[in-house]
Amino acid sequence: MYHNPVLLEECLEGLAIKPDGIYVDATYGGGGHSKAIEKKLDNGKLIVLDQDADAMNENKSEHILFINQNFRYLKKYLKYYEMIPIDGLLADLGVSSHQIDTAERGFSIRYDAELDMRMNKNNPLTAKEIINTYSEHELQRIFSEYGEIINSKRLASTIVSSRKEKEIATINELKEAIKSCVNKVNDNQYYAQVFQALRIEVNDELSALKDLLTQSGEVMKKGGRLVVISYHSLEDRLVKNYIAKGKFEGEAEKDFYGNRLEVPFKAVNKKTIVADDEERNRNPRSRSAKLRIAEKI
């Protein structure tokens, strides 16, 4: 299967789909969520976005409007197609199974391939360029901020020293170059953190997520639902803060009298929703998934 949709029933329930509503799947991927949403629509409309052309080529439906773009351009395209306001938006922020399992895309530590990690293959920036051209300070920053790697300073220094001898071009070459930094007890987790940091930087993922969340509040009608699945704490923190405070950092804004200013959404689920044991066993990708649902005020 191109992609096994995570927390499918919980997402559908969270969207509270109206048969004649307008919905957005901001991360089409393998189309599992979209196809389930489509089945619940009668005269409604479904708009899907995905910056990965492979996803667009793999899955087609005459009842879905496909937009091959990053979800950070949500408002622009909804305005262009006269689809504002919408009744709900779903975003599954994980890397698709297809992307992970396609070795040459460079997303997985299981394969050897050129360091790529671009979700949009037209993006000029690759993981290879980051590893070989970023300064030691810049490398330390992304490994610390995006990978939450404790020895990020040592890791950055090791990479800079290694690339002086030879360009680091492939996944195995990177793993070999940094093996002295790796925690031998849990080496796969360490490599996963390194890859997460590189992937976030390559695709500017956190800035794009901020754009999506902000625009969702601008295009959603009152009572509409925002449904987001995140897979690591950096994403989940942004989603949680936006829903709770209407901003990504700091305290909720207040007026001159100390009254909290109105925020776009209110949380539907007070606690994050996670996959049950059955889904975790059936679909390992769901193990780190956290689902948050909010309603437009």
Protein backbone atom coordinates (compact mmCIF):
# COMPACT_ATOMS: atom_id res chain seq x y z
CA MET A 1 0.00 0.00 0.00
CA TYR A 2 1.31 3.44 -0.92
CA HIS A 3 0.41 4.78 2.50
CA ASN A 4 -1.45 3.38 5.50
CA PRO A 5 -3.52 6.24 6.99
CA VAL A 6 -2.86 6.85 10.69
CA LEU A 7 -5.71 7.35 13.20
CA LEU A 8 -8.19 7.28 10.33
CA GLU A 9 -11.44 6.88 12.26
CA GLU A 10 -10.37 9.41 14.86
CA CYS A 11 -9.60 11.94 12.10
CA LEU A 12 -12.96 11.41 10.42
CA GLU A 13 -14.77 11.83 13.72
CA GLY A 14 -12.72 14.93 14.49
CA LEU A 15 -13.61 16.57 11.17
CA ALA A 16 -17.35 16.07 11.85
CA ILE A 17 -17.89 15.91 8.08
CA LYS A 18 -20.98 17.49 6.52
CA PRO A 19 -22.01 15.89 3.20
CA ASP A 20 -22.15 19.29 1.49
CA GLY A 21 -19.10 20.82 3.19
CA ILE A 22 -15.75 22.00 1.80
CA TYR A 23 -12.73 20.15 3.20
CA VAL A 24 -8.98 20.25 2.76
CA ASP A 25 -6.46 17.45 3.10
CA ALA A 26 -3.26 19.48 3.34
CA THR A 27 -0.99 16.43 3.15
CA TYR A 28 -2.42 14.03 0.56
CA GLY A 29 0.42 11.48 0.69
CA GLY A 30 -1.05 8.12 -0.28
CA GLY A 31 -4.59 9.43 -0.23
CA GLY A 32 -5.89 7.15 2.52
CA HIS A 33 -7.44 9.95 4.55
CA SER A 34 -8.71 11.76 1.45
CA LYS A 35 -10.49 8.71 0.05
CA ALA A 36 -12.26 8.16 3.37
CA ILE A 37 -13.33 11.83 3.52
CA GLU A 38 -14.54 11.68 -0.09
CA LYS A 39 -16.85 8.76 0.73
CA LYS A 40 -18.66 10.91 3.31
CA LEU A 41 -19.30 13.77 0.88
CA ASP A 42 -22.40 14.16 -1.27
CA ASN A 43 -22.37 17.58 -2.91
CA GLY A 44 -19.37 18.67 -0.90
CA LYS A 45 -15.86 19.37 -2.17
CA LEU A 46 -12.43 18.07 -1.21
CA ILE A 47 -9.25 19.98 -1.99
CA VAL A 48 -5.92 18.22 -1.48
CA LEU A 49 -2.41 19.60 -1.42
CA ASP A 50 0.91 17.80 -1.63
CA GLN A 51 4.26 19.20 -2.70
CA ASP A 52 5.47 15.73 -3.71
CA ALA A 53 4.64 15.11 -7.38
CA ASP A 54 4.88 11.35 -6.78
CA ALA A 55 1.78 11.52 -4.57
CA MET A 56 -0.14 13.37 -7.27
CA ASN A 57 0.87 10.86 -9.93
CA GLU A 58 0.10 7.80 -7.82
CA ASN A 59 -3.44 8.69 -6.85
CA LYS A 60 -6.17 10.21 -8.97
CA SER A 61 -9.86 10.87 -8.42
CA GLU A 62 -12.27 12.90 -10.51
CA HIS A 63 -14.04 14.04 -7.34
CA ILE A 64 -10.97 15.64 -5.75
CA LEU A 65 -9.26 18.90 -6.67
CA PHE A 66 -5.51 18.22 -6.65
CA ILE A 67 -3.03 21.01 -5.99
CA ASN A 68 0.65 20.06 -6.32
CA GLN A 69 1.94 22.65 -3.84
CA ASN A 70 3.29 23.03 -0.33
CA PHE A 71 0.49 23.54 2.20
CA ARG A 72 2.01 26.87 3.20
CA TYR A 73 0.21 28.28 0.13
CA LEU A 74 -3.19 27.08 1.38
CA LYS A 75 -4.94 30.46 1.44
CA LYS A 76 -3.59 31.52 -1.95
CA TYR A 77 -5.03 28.49 -3.73
CA LEU A 78 -8.31 28.39 -1.84
CA LYS A 79 -8.82 32.02 -2.82
CA TYR A 80 -7.90 31.26 -6.44
CA TYR A 81 -10.46 28.42 -6.65
CA GLU A 82 -13.06 30.40 -4.65
CA MET A 83 -13.21 27.79 -1.89
CA ILE A 84 -13.20 30.11 1.14
CA PRO A 85 -14.51 29.51 3.78
CA ILE A 86 -13.89 25.81 4.40
CA ASP A 87 -15.56 23.44 6.86
CA GLY A 88 -12.51 21.49 7.92
CA LEU A 89 -8.83 20.82 7.37
CA LEU A 90 -6.74 17.71 8.00
CA ALA A 91 -2.94 17.65 8.10
CA ASP A 92 -0.92 14.46 8.64
CA LEU A 93 2.58 15.85 9.15
CA GLY A 94 4.51 12.61 8.81
CA VAL A 95 6.71 11.47 5.96
CA SER A 96 4.68 9.11 3.79
CA SER A 97 5.43 5.39 3.70
CA HIS A 98 6.16 5.74 -0.02
CA GLN A 99 8.78 8.43 0.59
CA ILE A 100 10.45 6.38 3.32
CA ASP A 101 10.45 3.17 1.28
CA THR A 102 11.77 4.79 -1.91
CA ALA A 103 15.49 4.44 -1.28
CA GLU A 104 16.65 7.12 -3.71
CA ARG A 105 14.62 9.81 -1.90
CA GLY A 106 17.11 9.53 0.97
CA PHE A 107 14.61 9.68 3.83
CA SER A 108 15.47 6.39 5.53
CA ILE A 109 18.57 5.20 7.36
CA ARG A 110 17.77 1.65 6.20
CA TYR A 111 19.04 2.29 2.68
CA ASP A 112 22.12 3.76 1.09
CA ALA A 113 21.40 6.56 -1.35
CA GLU A 114 22.47 10.11 -2.05
CA LEU A 115 21.63 12.53 0.75
CA ASP A 116 18.47 14.16 -0.60
CA MET A 117 15.39 14.33 1.68
CA ARG A 118 13.45 16.77 -0.51
CA MET A 119 9.69 16.38 -0.37
CA ASN A 120 9.51 18.65 -3.40
CA LYS A 121 12.09 17.37 -5.87
CA ASN A 122 12.27 20.84 -7.46
CA ASN A 123 13.61 22.26 -4.21
CA PRO A 124 17.26 23.24 -4.83
CA LEU A 125 18.38 22.54 -1.25
CA THR A 126 19.30 18.93 -0.39
CA ALA A 127 20.67 17.24 2.71
CA LYS A 128 23.92 16.71 0.80
CA GLU A 129 24.34 20.45 0.34
CA ILE A 130 23.62 21.11 4.00
CA ILE A 131 26.15 18.55 5.19
CA ASN A 132 28.87 19.81 2.86
CA THR A 133 28.36 23.58 2.83
CA TYR A 134 26.79 24.71 6.11
CA SER A 135 29.17 26.21 8.65
CA GLU A 136 29.91 24.36 11.86
CA HIS A 137 27.75 26.86 13.74
CA GLU A 138 24.82 26.37 11.35
CA LEU A 139 25.10 22.59 11.58
CA GLN A 140 25.14 22.73 15.36
CA ARG A 141 22.03 24.93 15.32
CA ILE A 142 19.91 22.60 13.20
CA PHE A 143 21.04 19.45 15.05
CA SER A 144 20.30 21.08 18.39
CA GLU A 145 17.01 22.79 17.47
CA TYR A 146 15.52 20.31 15.03
CA GLY A 147 17.05 17.03 16.18
CA GLU A 148 17.33 17.85 19.89
CA ILE A 149 20.73 16.14 19.82
CA ILE A 150 22.66 16.55 23.07
CA ASN A 151 26.17 16.43 21.57
CA SER A 152 25.26 18.63 18.60
CA LYS A 153 28.47 20.69 18.91
CA ARG A 154 30.66 17.60 18.67
CA LEU A 155 28.53 16.22 15.84
CA ALA A 156 28.88 19.41 13.79
CA SER A 157 32.62 19.54 14.37
CA THR A 158 33.00 15.89 13.34
CA ILE A 159 31.12 16.48 10.08
CA VAL A 160 33.19 19.56 9.20
CA SER A 161 36.44 17.67 9.86
CA SER A 162 35.31 14.68 7.81
CA ARG A 163 34.19 16.66 4.78
CA LYS A 164 37.60 18.33 4.57
CA GLU A 165 39.00 14.93 3.61
CA LYS A 166 36.19 13.93 1.26
CA GLU A 167 32.70 15.09 0.30
CA ILE A 168 29.97 13.34 2.27
CA ALA A 169 27.50 12.39 -0.47
CA THR A 170 25.52 9.34 0.68
CA ILE A 171 23.64 8.06 3.70
CA ASN A 172 26.26 5.43 4.50
CA GLU A 173 29.07 7.96 4.13
CA LEU A 174 27.32 10.23 6.63
CA LYS A 175 26.75 7.37 9.07
CA GLU A 176 30.42 6.38 8.77
CA ALA A 177 31.58 9.97 9.26
CA ILE A 178 29.62 10.48 12.48
CA LYS A 179 29.85 7.01 14.03
CA SER A 180 32.18 8.27 16.77
CA CYS A 181 29.38 10.58 18.00
CA VAL A 182 26.68 7.93 18.10
CA ASN A 183 25.29 6.46 21.29
CA LYS A 184 26.02 2.78 20.72
CA VAL A 185 23.17 1.70 23.00
CA ASN A 186 20.56 3.30 20.75
CA ASP A 187 22.28 4.10 17.48
CA ASN A 188 19.12 3.98 15.35
CA GLN A 189 17.47 6.67 17.48
CA TYR A 190 20.51 8.89 17.14
CA TYR A 191 20.59 8.53 13.36
CA ALA A 192 16.84 9.17 13.27
CA GLN A 193 17.35 12.44 15.16
CA VAL A 194 20.09 13.47 12.71
CA PHE A 195 17.84 12.67 9.75
CA GLN A 196 14.90 14.50 11.32
CA ALA A 197 17.00 17.64 11.74
CA LEU A 198 18.25 17.51 8.15
CA ARG A 199 14.76 16.83 6.74
CA ILE A 200 13.22 19.73 8.66
CA GLU A 201 15.93 22.08 7.39
CA VAL A 202 15.72 20.85 3.78
CA ASN A 203 11.95 21.30 3.64
CA ASP A 204 11.61 24.30 5.98
CA GLU A 205 8.97 22.24 7.76
CA LEU A 206 8.36 24.22 10.92
CA SER A 207 7.96 27.56 9.15
CA ALA A 208 5.60 25.93 6.67
CA LEU A 209 3.56 24.47 9.53
CA LYS A 210 3.26 27.90 11.16
CA ASP A 211 2.00 29.31 7.85
CA LEU A 212 -0.55 26.50 7.52
CA LEU A 213 -1.89 26.89 11.05
CA THR A 214 -2.17 30.67 10.80
CA GLN A 215 -3.95 30.49 7.45
CA SER A 216 -6.29 27.74 8.65
CA GLY A 217 -7.75 30.20 11.13
CA GLU A 218 -8.24 32.73 8.34
CA VAL A 219 -10.03 30.41 5.90
CA MET A 220 -12.12 28.31 8.31
CA LYS A 221 -15.78 29.08 8.91
CA LYS A 222 -17.17 29.24 12.44
CA GLY A 223 -17.61 25.73 13.79
CA GLY A 224 -15.14 24.28 11.28
CA ARG A 225 -12.63 21.71 12.45
CA LEU A 226 -8.84 21.66 12.40
CA VAL A 227 -7.37 18.14 12.68
CA VAL A 228 -3.59 17.71 12.88
CA ILE A 229 -1.41 14.61 13.35
CA SER A 230 2.15 15.32 14.47
CA TYR A 231 5.03 12.91 15.00
CA HIS A 232 7.56 14.74 17.14
CA SER A 233 7.53 17.30 19.94
CA LEU A 234 8.59 20.26 17.78
CA GLU A 235 5.50 19.96 15.58
CA ASP A 236 3.14 19.08 18.41
CA ARG A 237 4.28 22.07 20.45
CA LEU A 238 3.46 24.46 17.60
CA VAL A 239 0.01 22.91 17.11
CA LYS A 240 -0.75 22.90 20.83
CA ASN A 241 0.34 26.52 21.31
CA TYR A 242 -1.57 27.79 18.29
CA ILE A 243 -4.78 26.12 19.40
CA ALA A 244 -4.41 27.29 23.00
CA LYS A 245 -3.04 30.80 22.49
CA GLY A 246 -3.37 31.72 18.80
CA LYS A 247 0.42 32.08 18.65
CA PHE A 248 3.46 29.83 18.71
CA GLU A 249 5.58 31.24 21.52
CA GLY A 250 5.11 33.12 24.75
CA GLU A 251 1.95 33.80 26.70
CA ALA A 252 -1.49 34.39 25.24
CA GLU A 253 -1.97 38.05 24.26
CA LYS A 254 -4.09 40.28 26.48
CA ASP A 255 -5.74 43.65 26.02
CA PHE A 256 -5.05 46.83 28.02
CA TYR A 257 -7.25 45.59 30.88
CA GLY A 258 -5.55 42.20 31.12
CA ASN A 259 -8.33 40.29 29.37
CA ARG A 260 -7.16 37.53 27.09
CA LEU A 261 -7.66 38.36 23.42
CA GLU A 262 -9.83 36.07 21.34
CA VAL A 263 -8.05 33.13 19.69
CA PRO A 264 -9.17 31.49 16.42
CA PHE A 265 -9.76 27.98 17.78
CA LYS A 266 -10.76 26.10 20.90
CA ALA A 267 -9.49 22.60 21.64
CA VAL A 268 -11.96 19.75 21.14
CA ASN A 269 -9.76 17.12 22.77
CA LYS A 270 -8.02 18.29 25.95
CA LYS A 271 -5.49 15.47 25.73
CA THR A 272 -3.71 14.31 22.62
CA ILE A 273 -5.26 11.29 20.91
CA VAL A 274 -2.88 8.39 20.23
CA ALA A 275 -3.22 5.08 18.42
CA ASP A 276 -4.47 2.07 20.34
CA ASP A 277 -2.45 -1.12 20.73
CA GLU A 278 -4.12 -2.78 17.75
CA GLU A 279 -3.18 0.04 15.37
CA ARG A 280 0.32 0.33 16.81
CA ASN A 281 0.92 -3.35 16.11
CA ARG A 282 -0.62 -3.17 12.65
CA ASN A 283 1.01 0.08 11.61
CA PRO A 284 4.34 0.90 13.35
CA ARG A 285 4.22 4.41 11.85
CA SER A 286 1.35 5.24 14.20
CA ARG A 287 3.40 4.70 17.37
CA SER A 288 4.64 8.28 17.61
CA ALA A 289 1.49 9.91 16.21
CA LYS A 290 -0.34 12.55 18.26
CA LEU A 291 -3.69 13.90 17.11
CA ARG A 292 -5.11 17.28 18.11
CA ILE A 293 -8.54 18.56 17.14
CA ALA A 294 -9.81 22.14 17.38
CA GLU A 295 -12.98 24.01 16.42
CA LYS A 296 -13.10 27.50 14.91
CA ILE A 297 -14.65 29.98 17.32
